C-alpha atoms as a PDB file:
ATOM      1  CA  UNK A   1       0.827  10.998  17.593  1.00  0.00           C
ATOM      2  CA  UNK A   2      -0.630  14.415  18.342  1.00  0.00           C
ATOM      3  CA  UNK A   3       2.556  15.399  20.146  1.00  0.00           C
ATOM      4  CA  UNK A   4       4.659  14.501  17.125  1.00  0.00           C
ATOM      5  CA  UNK A   5       2.394  16.563  14.868  1.00  0.00           C
ATOM      6  CA  UNK A   6       2.716  19.561  17.187  1.00  0.00           C
ATOM      7  CA  UNK A   7       6.499  19.209  17.162  1.00  0.00           C
ATOM      8  CA  UNK A   8       6.538  19.018  13.370  1.00  0.00           C
ATOM      9  CA  UNK A   9       4.599  22.280  13.124  1.00  0.00           C
ATOM     10  CA  UNK A  10       7.144  24.141  15.251  1.00  0.00           C
ATOM     11  CA  UNK A  11      10.159  23.115  13.149  1.00  0.00           C
ATOM     12  CA  UNK A  12      11.425  24.797  10.003  1.00  0.00           C
ATOM     13  CA  UNK A  13      10.255  23.187   6.725  1.00  0.00           C
ATOM     14  CA  UNK A  14      13.687  21.893   5.667  1.00  0.00           C
ATOM     15  CA  UNK A  15      14.830  20.927   9.146  1.00  0.00           C
ATOM     16  CA  UNK A  16      16.334  17.452   9.491  1.00  0.00           C
ATOM     17  CA  UNK A  17      14.405  17.077  12.748  1.00  0.00           C
ATOM     18  CA  UNK A  18      11.176  17.853  10.914  1.00  0.00           C
ATOM     19  CA  UNK A  19      11.953  15.287   8.242  1.00  0.00           C
ATOM     20  CA  UNK A  20      12.738  12.653  10.874  1.00  0.00           C
ATOM     21  CA  UNK A  21       9.578  13.479  12.821  1.00  0.00           C
ATOM     22  CA  UNK A  22       7.450  13.187   9.687  1.00  0.00           C
ATOM     23  CA  UNK A  23       9.078   9.853   8.838  1.00  0.00           C
ATOM     24  CA  UNK A  24       8.455   8.611  12.386  1.00  0.00           C
ATOM     25  CA  UNK A  25       4.811   9.677  12.217  1.00  0.00           C
ATOM     26  CA  UNK A  26       4.403   7.937   8.859  1.00  0.00           C
ATOM     27  CA  UNK A  27       5.962   4.766  10.252  1.00  0.00           C
ATOM     28  CA  UNK A  28       3.595   4.846  13.248  1.00  0.00           C
ATOM     29  CA  UNK A  29       0.633   5.351  10.923  1.00  0.00           C
ATOM     30  CA  UNK A  30       1.666   2.349   8.831  1.00  0.00           C
ATOM     31  CA  UNK A  31       2.104   0.168  11.914  1.00  0.00           C
ATOM     32  CA  UNK A  32      -1.383   1.067  13.124  1.00  0.00           C
ATOM     33  CA  UNK A  33      -2.864   0.343   9.692  1.00  0.00           C
ATOM     34  CA  UNK A  34      -1.073  -3.013   9.511  1.00  0.00           C
ATOM     35  CA  UNK A  35      -2.314  -3.938  12.974  1.00  0.00           C
ATOM     36  CA  UNK A  36      -5.908  -3.068  12.054  1.00  0.00           C
ATOM     37  CA  UNK A  37      -5.604  -5.061   8.833  1.00  0.00           C
ATOM     38  CA  UNK A  38      -4.310  -8.124  10.717  1.00  0.00           C
ATOM     39  CA  UNK A  39      -7.135  -7.823  13.252  1.00  0.00           C
ATOM     40  CA  UNK A  40      -9.695  -7.718  10.446  1.00  0.00           C
ATOM     41  CA  UNK A  41      -8.104 -10.744   8.784  1.00  0.00           C
ATOM     42  CA  UNK A  42      -8.209 -12.621  12.094  1.00  0.00           C
ATOM     43  CA  UNK A  43     -11.911 -11.787  12.478  1.00  0.00           C
ATOM     44  CA  UNK A  44     -12.636 -12.979   8.946  1.00  0.00           C
ATOM     45  CA  UNK A  45     -10.680 -16.187   9.533  1.00  0.00           C
ATOM     46  CA  UNK A  46     -12.556 -16.797  12.792  1.00  0.00           C
ATOM     47  CA  UNK A  47     -15.915 -16.336  11.059  1.00  0.00           C
ATOM     48  CA  UNK A  48     -14.928 -18.733   8.267  1.00  0.00           C
ATOM     49  CA  UNK A  49     -14.077 -21.433  10.825  1.00  0.00           C
ATOM     50  CA  UNK A  50     -17.573 -21.289  12.300  1.00  0.00           C
END
């Protein structure tokens, strides 16, 4: 993630590569959030079963 951010900073603002890198970073961020949310839901479900 940090590498992508560094690459974004070195590209011109309207660069297609910059846009694609930002979109990729956003997608990665969403995937991580979704994974954390699922893990929390699994923990809650496990507690409810006990």
